[in-house]
PDB file of N, CA and C in Angstrom:
ATOM      1  N   UNK A   1       0.838  -1.183   0.000  1.00  0.00           N
ATOM      2  CA  UNK A   1       0.000   0.000   0.000  1.00  0.00           C
ATOM      3  C   UNK A   1       0.881   1.244   0.000  1.00  0.00           C
ATOM      4  N   UNK A   2       0.618   2.183  -0.906  1.00  0.00           N
ATOM      5  CA  UNK A   2       1.396   3.413  -0.974  1.00  0.00           C
ATOM      6  C   UNK A   2       0.919   4.385   0.093  1.00  0.00           C
ATOM      7  N   UNK A   3       1.683   5.474   0.304  1.00  0.00           N
ATOM      8  CA  UNK A   3       1.289   6.496   1.270  1.00  0.00           C
ATOM      9  C   UNK A   3      -0.083   7.070   0.924  1.00  0.00           C
ATOM     10  N   UNK A   4      -0.327   7.342  -0.372  1.00  0.00           N
ATOM     11  CA  UNK A   4      -1.607   7.908  -0.782  1.00  0.00           C
ATOM     12  C   UNK A   4      -2.749   6.955  -0.456  1.00  0.00           C
ATOM     13  N   UNK A   5      -2.546   5.670  -0.708  1.00  0.00           N
ATOM     14  CA  UNK A   5      -3.597   4.701  -0.448  1.00  0.00           C
ATOM     15  C   UNK A   5      -3.917   4.617   1.038  1.00  0.00           C
ATOM     16  N   UNK A   6      -2.904   4.623   1.883  1.00  0.00           N
ATOM     17  CA  UNK A   6      -3.141   4.498   3.316  1.00  0.00           C
ATOM     18  C   UNK A   6      -3.716   5.785   3.905  1.00  0.00           C
ATOM     19  N   UNK A   7      -3.474   6.915   3.281  1.00  0.00           N
ATOM     20  CA  UNK A   7      -3.978   8.194   3.763  1.00  0.00           C
ATOM     21  C   UNK A   7      -5.453   8.383   3.434  1.00  0.00           C
ATOM     22  N   UNK A   8      -5.886   7.905   2.291  1.00  0.00           N
ATOM     23  CA  UNK A   8      -7.247   8.124   1.808  1.00  0.00           C
ATOM     24  C   UNK A   8      -8.259   7.382   2.671  1.00  0.00           C
ATOM     25  N   UNK A   9      -9.288   8.092   3.123  1.00  0.00           N
ATOM     26  CA  UNK A   9     -10.328   7.488   3.943  1.00  0.00           C
ATOM     27  C   UNK A   9     -11.594   7.188   3.152  1.00  0.00           C
ATOM     28  N   UNK A  10     -11.581   7.448   1.869  1.00  0.00           N
ATOM     29  CA  UNK A  10     -12.758   7.222   1.030  1.00  0.00           C
ATOM     30  C   UNK A  10     -13.005   5.720   0.877  1.00  0.00           C
ATOM     31  N   UNK A  11     -14.256   5.321   1.079  1.00  0.00           N
ATOM     32  CA  UNK A  11     -14.641   3.918   0.959  1.00  0.00           C
ATOM     33  C   UNK A  11     -14.977   3.509  -0.471  1.00  0.00           C
ATOM     34  N   UNK A  12     -15.130   4.475  -1.360  1.00  0.00           N
ATOM     35  CA  UNK A  12     -15.537   4.182  -2.736  1.00  0.00           C
ATOM     36  C   UNK A  12     -14.315   3.821  -3.576  1.00  0.00           C
ATOM     37  N   UNK A  13     -13.833   2.622  -3.394  1.00  0.00           N
ATOM     38  CA  UNK A  13     -12.627   2.184  -4.105  1.00  0.00           C
ATOM     39  C   UNK A  13     -12.874   1.864  -5.572  1.00  0.00           C
ATOM     40  N   UNK A  14     -14.131   1.885  -6.003  1.00  0.00           N
ATOM     41  CA  UNK A  14     -14.420   1.674  -7.422  1.00  0.00           C
ATOM     42  C   UNK A  14     -14.324   2.978  -8.209  1.00  0.00           C
ATOM     43  N   UNK A  15     -14.252   4.095  -7.512  1.00  0.00           N
ATOM     44  CA  UNK A  15     -14.138   5.398  -8.171  1.00  0.00           C
ATOM     45  C   UNK A  15     -12.814   5.460  -8.928  1.00  0.00           C
ATOM     46  N   UNK A  16     -12.843   5.888 -10.196  1.00  0.00           N
ATOM     47  CA  UNK A  16     -11.598   5.970 -10.962  1.00  0.00           C
ATOM     48  C   UNK A  16     -10.603   6.991 -10.398  1.00  0.00           C
ATOM     49  N   UNK A  17     -11.060   7.882  -9.519  1.00  0.00           N
ATOM     50  CA  UNK A  17     -10.184   8.898  -8.933  1.00  0.00           C
ATOM     51  C   UNK A  17      -9.568   8.452  -7.604  1.00  0.00           C
ATOM     52  N   UNK A  18      -9.991   7.311  -7.095  1.00  0.00           N
ATOM     53  CA  UNK A  18      -9.461   6.815  -5.817  1.00  0.00           C
ATOM     54  C   UNK A  18      -7.965   6.520  -5.973  1.00  0.00           C
ATOM     55  N   UNK A  19      -7.146   6.906  -4.996  1.00  0.00           N
ATOM     56  CA  UNK A  19      -5.691   6.721  -5.095  1.00  0.00           C
ATOM     57  C   UNK A  19      -5.230   5.281  -5.331  1.00  0.00           C
ATOM     58  N   UNK A  20      -6.067   4.308  -5.044  1.00  0.00           N
ATOM     59  CA  UNK A  20      -5.682   2.924  -5.298  1.00  0.00           C
ATOM     60  C   UNK A  20      -5.759   2.573  -6.781  1.00  0.00           C
ATOM     61  N   UNK A  21      -6.337   3.466  -7.586  1.00  0.00           N
ATOM     62  CA  UNK A  21      -6.565   3.171  -8.997  1.00  0.00           C
ATOM     63  C   UNK A  21      -5.594   3.880  -9.940  1.00  0.00           C
ATOM     64  N   UNK A  22      -4.681   4.679  -9.384  1.00  0.00           N
ATOM     65  CA  UNK A  22      -3.705   5.405 -10.204  1.00  0.00           C
ATOM     66  C   UNK A  22      -2.551   5.858  -9.317  1.00  0.00           C
ATOM     67  N   UNK A  23      -1.603   6.555  -9.878  1.00  0.00           N
ATOM     68  CA  UNK A  23      -0.407   6.990  -9.136  1.00  0.00           C
ATOM     69  C   UNK A  23      -0.376   8.496  -8.860  1.00  0.00           C
ATOM     70  N   UNK A  24      -1.520   9.166  -8.902  1.00  0.00           N
ATOM     71  CA  UNK A  24      -1.545  10.626  -8.760  1.00  0.00           C
ATOM     72  C   UNK A  24      -2.051  11.109  -7.406  1.00  0.00           C
ATOM     73  N   UNK A  25      -2.208  10.200  -6.457  1.00  0.00           N
ATOM     74  CA  UNK A  25      -2.660  10.591  -5.127  1.00  0.00           C
ATOM     75  C   UNK A  25      -4.074  11.155  -5.123  1.00  0.00           C
ATOM     76  N   UNK A  26      -4.302  12.148  -4.293  1.00  0.00           N
ATOM     77  CA  UNK A  26      -5.623  12.751  -4.137  1.00  0.00           C
ATOM     78  C   UNK A  26      -5.901  13.849  -5.163  1.00  0.00           C
ATOM     79  N   UNK A  27      -4.906  14.251  -5.913  1.00  0.00           N
ATOM     80  CA  UNK A  27      -5.037  15.389  -6.822  1.00  0.00           C
ATOM     81  C   UNK A  27      -6.228  15.292  -7.767  1.00  0.00           C
ATOM     82  N   UNK A  28      -6.450  14.186  -8.477  1.00  0.00           N
ATOM     83  CA  UNK A  28      -7.604  14.138  -9.384  1.00  0.00           C
ATOM     84  C   UNK A  28      -8.945  14.313  -8.666  1.00  0.00           C
ATOM     85  N   UNK A  29      -9.084  13.737  -7.496  1.00  0.00           N
ATOM     86  CA  UNK A  29     -10.320  13.874  -6.726  1.00  0.00           C
ATOM     87  C   UNK A  29     -10.526  15.327  -6.297  1.00  0.00           C
ATOM     88  N   UNK A  30      -9.494  15.944  -5.775  1.00  0.00           N
ATOM     89  CA  UNK A  30      -9.586  17.337  -5.330  1.00  0.00           C
ATOM     90  C   UNK A  30      -9.917  18.248  -6.513  1.00  0.00           C
ATOM     91  N   UNK A  31      -9.261  18.044  -7.638  1.00  0.00           N
ATOM     92  CA  UNK A  31      -9.528  18.859  -8.832  1.00  0.00           C
ATOM     93  C   UNK A  31     -10.984  18.735  -9.273  1.00  0.00           C
ATOM     94  N   UNK A  32     -11.505  17.517  -9.286  1.00  0.00           N
ATOM     95  CA  UNK A  32     -12.904  17.295  -9.672  1.00  0.00           C
ATOM     96  C   UNK A  32     -13.846  18.009  -8.713  1.00  0.00           C
ATOM     97  N   UNK A  33     -13.599  17.858  -7.422  1.00  0.00           N
ATOM     98  CA  UNK A  33     -14.463  18.489  -6.434  1.00  0.00           C
ATOM     99  C   UNK A  33     -14.410  20.009  -6.514  1.00  0.00           C
ATOM    100  N   UNK A  34     -13.242  20.579  -6.706  1.00  0.00           N
ATOM    101  CA  UNK A  34     -13.141  22.033  -6.850  1.00  0.00           C
ATOM    102  C   UNK A  34     -13.897  22.511  -8.087  1.00  0.00           C
ATOM    103  N   UNK A  35     -13.767  21.774  -9.178  1.00  0.00           N
ATOM    104  CA  UNK A  35     -14.463  22.139 -10.419  1.00  0.00           C
ATOM    105  C   UNK A  35     -15.977  22.125 -10.223  1.00  0.00           C
ATOM    106  N   UNK A  36     -16.480  21.175  -9.424  1.00  0.00           N
ATOM    107  CA  UNK A  36     -17.922  21.042  -9.198  1.00  0.00           C
ATOM    108  C   UNK A  36     -18.430  21.853  -8.002  1.00  0.00           C
ATOM    109  N   UNK A  37     -17.515  22.519  -7.288  1.00  0.00           N
ATOM    110  CA  UNK A  37     -17.915  23.276  -6.099  1.00  0.00           C
ATOM    111  C   UNK A  37     -18.349  22.361  -4.968  1.00  0.00           C
ATOM    112  N   UNK A  38     -17.649  21.233  -4.834  1.00  0.00           N
ATOM    113  CA  UNK A  38     -17.991  20.249  -3.813  1.00  0.00           C
ATOM    114  C   UNK A  38     -16.814  19.990  -2.878  1.00  0.00           C
ATOM    115  N   UNK A  39     -17.134  19.345  -1.778  1.00  0.00           N
ATOM    116  CA  UNK A  39     -16.145  18.952  -0.781  1.00  0.00           C
ATOM    117  C   UNK A  39     -15.873  17.459  -0.964  1.00  0.00           C
ATOM    118  N   UNK A  40     -14.629  17.023  -0.929  1.00  0.00           N
ATOM    119  CA  UNK A  40     -14.333  15.593  -1.057  1.00  0.00           C
ATOM    120  C   UNK A  40     -14.984  14.768   0.063  1.00  0.00           C
ATOM    121  N   UNK A  41     -15.328  13.554  -0.269  1.00  0.00           N
ATOM    122  CA  UNK A  41     -15.966  12.637   0.668  1.00  0.00           C
ATOM    123  C   UNK A  41     -15.176  12.495   1.974  1.00  0.00           C
ATOM    124  N   UNK A  42     -13.854  12.503   1.889  1.00  0.00           N
ATOM    125  CA  UNK A  42     -13.042  12.306   3.088  1.00  0.00           C
ATOM    126  C   UNK A  42     -13.269  13.405   4.129  1.00  0.00           C
ATOM    127  N   UNK A  43     -13.592  14.616   3.697  1.00  0.00           N
ATOM    128  CA  UNK A  43     -13.859  15.686   4.657  1.00  0.00           C
ATOM    129  C   UNK A  43     -15.155  15.400   5.417  1.00  0.00           C
ATOM    130  N   UNK A  44     -16.174  14.924   4.693  1.00  0.00           N
ATOM    131  CA  UNK A  44     -17.446  14.617   5.336  1.00  0.00           C
ATOM    132  C   UNK A  44     -17.292  13.514   6.380  1.00  0.00           C
ATOM    133  N   UNK A  45     -16.360  12.612   6.170  1.00  0.00           N
ATOM    134  CA  UNK A  45     -16.173  11.508   7.107  1.00  0.00           C
ATOM    135  C   UNK A  45     -15.768  12.000   8.499  1.00  0.00           C
ATOM    136  N   UNK A  46     -15.340  13.248   8.614  1.00  0.00           N
ATOM    137  CA  UNK A  46     -14.965  13.814   9.901  1.00  0.00           C
ATOM    138  C   UNK A  46     -16.183  14.185  10.748  1.00  0.00           C
ATOM    139  N   UNK A  47     -17.369  14.168  10.134  1.00  0.00           N
ATOM    140  CA  UNK A  47     -18.592  14.594  10.810  1.00  0.00           C
ATOM    141  C   UNK A  47     -19.484  13.376  11.059  1.00  0.00           C
ATOM    142  N   UNK A  48     -19.905  13.221  12.289  1.00  0.00           N
ATOM    143  CA  UNK A  48     -20.779  12.103  12.645  1.00  0.00           C
ATOM    144  C   UNK A  48     -22.070  12.164  11.837  1.00  0.00           C
ATOM    145  N   UNK A  49     -22.527  11.020  11.374  1.00  0.00           N
ATOM    146  CA  UNK A  49     -23.760  10.867  10.588  1.00  0.00           C
ATOM    147  C   UNK A  49     -23.717  11.567   9.230  1.00  0.00           C
ATOM    148  N   UNK A  50     -22.533  11.791   8.702  1.00  0.00           N
ATOM    149  CA  UNK A  50     -22.430  12.486   7.410  1.00  0.00           C
ATOM    150  C   UNK A  50     -23.016  11.677   6.263  1.00  0.00           C
ATOM    151  N   UNK A  51     -23.183  10.380   6.465  1.00  0.00           N
ATOM    152  CA  UNK A  51     -23.764   9.567   5.402  1.00  0.00           C
ATOM    153  C   UNK A  51     -25.226   9.931   5.139  1.00  0.00           C
ATOM    154  N   UNK A  52     -25.831  10.727   6.017  1.00  0.00           N
ATOM    155  CA  UNK A  52     -27.219  11.157   5.831  1.00  0.00           C
ATOM    156  C   UNK A  52     -27.322  12.456   5.028  1.00  0.00           C
ATOM    157  N   UNK A  53     -26.203  12.999   4.603  1.00  0.00           N
ATOM    158  CA  UNK A  53     -26.218  14.285   3.901  1.00  0.00           C
ATOM    159  C   UNK A  53     -26.990  14.191   2.581  1.00  0.00           C
ATOM    160  N   UNK A  54     -27.455  15.344   2.139  1.00  0.00           N
ATOM    161  CA  UNK A  54     -28.227  15.398   0.896  1.00  0.00           C
ATOM    162  C   UNK A  54     -27.380  15.823  -0.294  1.00  0.00           C
ATOM    163  N   UNK A  55     -26.178  16.301  -0.035  1.00  0.00           N
ATOM    164  CA  UNK A  55     -25.311  16.732  -1.120  1.00  0.00           C
ATOM    165  C   UNK A  55     -23.882  16.881  -0.654  1.00  0.00           C
ATOM    166  N   UNK A  56     -23.005  17.254  -1.577  1.00  0.00           N
ATOM    167  CA  UNK A  56     -21.577  17.380  -1.297  1.00  0.00           C
ATOM    168  C   UNK A  56     -21.057  18.811  -1.455  1.00  0.00           C
ATOM    169  N   UNK A  57     -21.964  19.781  -1.547  1.00  0.00           N
ATOM    170  CA  UNK A  57     -21.544  21.162  -1.791  1.00  0.00           C
ATOM    171  C   UNK A  57     -20.841  21.757  -0.572  1.00  0.00           C
ATOM    172  N   UNK A  58     -20.173  22.888  -0.793  1.00  0.00           N
ATOM    173  CA  UNK A  58     -19.556  23.621   0.316  1.00  0.00           C
ATOM    174  C   UNK A  58     -20.625  23.970   1.351  1.00  0.00           C
ATOM    175  N   UNK A  59     -21.808  24.364   0.864  1.00  0.00           N
ATOM    176  CA  UNK A  59     -22.896  24.736   1.757  1.00  0.00           C
ATOM    177  C   UNK A  59     -23.377  23.542   2.583  1.00  0.00           C
ATOM    178  N   UNK A  60     -23.492  22.373   1.933  1.00  0.00           N
ATOM    179  CA  UNK A  60     -23.891  21.159   2.658  1.00  0.00           C
ATOM    180  C   UNK A  60     -22.893  20.854   3.769  1.00  0.00           C
ATOM    181  N   UNK A  61     -21.610  20.976   3.449  1.00  0.00           N
ATOM    182  CA  UNK A  61     -20.564  20.713   4.433  1.00  0.00           C
ATOM    183  C   UNK A  61     -20.637  21.729   5.575  1.00  0.00           C
ATOM    184  N   UNK A  62     -20.787  23.001   5.231  1.00  0.00           N
ATOM    185  CA  UNK A  62     -20.855  24.044   6.260  1.00  0.00           C
ATOM    186  C   UNK A  62     -22.044  23.818   7.190  1.00  0.00           C
ATOM    187  N   UNK A  63     -23.200  23.478   6.622  1.00  0.00           N
ATOM    188  CA  UNK A  63     -24.375  23.212   7.457  1.00  0.00           C
ATOM    189  C   UNK A  63     -24.116  22.047   8.420  1.00  0.00           C
ATOM    190  N   UNK A  64     -23.478  21.000   7.920  1.00  0.00           N
ATOM    191  CA  UNK A  64     -23.205  19.845   8.781  1.00  0.00           C
ATOM    192  C   UNK A  64     -22.210  20.183   9.890  1.00  0.00           C
ATOM    193  N   UNK A  65     -21.199  20.981   9.578  1.00  0.00           N
ATOM    194  CA  UNK A  65     -20.219  21.385  10.589  1.00  0.00           C
ATOM    195  C   UNK A  65     -20.902  22.221  11.668  1.00  0.00           C
ATOM    196  N   UNK A  66     -21.718  23.175  11.244  1.00  0.00           N
ATOM    197  CA  UNK A  66     -22.423  24.038  12.205  1.00  0.00           C
ATOM    198  C   UNK A  66     -23.363  23.209  13.073  1.00  0.00           C
ATOM    199  N   UNK A  67     -24.097  22.306  12.452  1.00  0.00           N
ATOM    200  CA  UNK A  67     -25.023  21.449  13.204  1.00  0.00           C
ATOM    201  C   UNK A  67     -24.263  20.584  14.207  1.00  0.00           C
ATOM    202  N   UNK A  68     -23.127  20.036  13.812  1.00  0.00           N
ATOM    203  CA  UNK A  68     -22.319  19.207  14.714  1.00  0.00           C
ATOM    204  C   UNK A  68     -21.802  20.034  15.887  1.00  0.00           C
ATOM    205  N   UNK A  69     -21.359  21.269  15.609  1.00  0.00           N
ATOM    206  CA  UNK A  69     -20.867  22.143  16.688  1.00  0.00           C
ATOM    207  C   UNK A  69     -21.973  22.514  17.651  1.00  0.00           C
ATOM    208  N   UNK A  70     -23.176  22.794  17.104  1.00  0.00           N
ATOM    209  CA  UNK A  70     -24.312  23.131  17.964  1.00  0.00           C
ATOM    210  C   UNK A  70     -24.667  21.940  18.852  1.00  0.00           C
ATOM    211  N   UNK A  71     -24.622  20.740  18.291  1.00  0.00           N
ATOM    212  CA  UNK A  71     -24.923  19.534  19.059  1.00  0.00           C
ATOM    213  C   UNK A  71     -23.889  19.350  20.171  1.00  0.00           C
ATOM    214  N   UNK A  72     -22.617  19.595  19.860  1.00  0.00           N
ATOM    215  CA  UNK A  72     -21.543  19.501  20.849  1.00  0.00           C
ATOM    216  C   UNK A  72     -21.789  20.447  22.011  1.00  0.00           C
ATOM    217  N   UNK A  73     -22.208  21.667  21.687  1.00  0.00           N
ATOM    218  CA  UNK A  73     -22.436  22.707  22.694  1.00  0.00           C
ATOM    219  C   UNK A  73     -23.612  22.358  23.582  1.00  0.00           C
ATOM    220  N   UNK A  74     -24.628  21.714  22.999  1.00  0.00           N
ATOM    221  CA  UNK A  74     -25.842  21.403  23.756  1.00  0.00           C
ATOM    222  C   UNK A  74     -25.766  20.099  24.541  1.00  0.00           C
ATOM    223  N   UNK A  75     -24.692  19.369  24.383  1.00  0.00           N
ATOM    224  CA  UNK A  75     -24.587  18.083  25.086  1.00  0.00           C
ATOM    225  C   UNK A  75     -24.011  18.256  26.462  1.00  0.00           C
TER     226      UNK A  75
END
């Protein structure tokens, strides 16, 4: 396993951009997400229950981060 493969937390190993499928690391995934105005899946994995999200946009990510922080504060 290369450094890129062990670093990547994305579970979608069938994705052609996954580091296990080429030698370019995370760069192709990041480039695609920036072009689409989205956040990479690995960032969402940092937020509990992120699999329930409705989208991958910057706004979707920001809403989830804010909601997680509010939940932390109220616990």
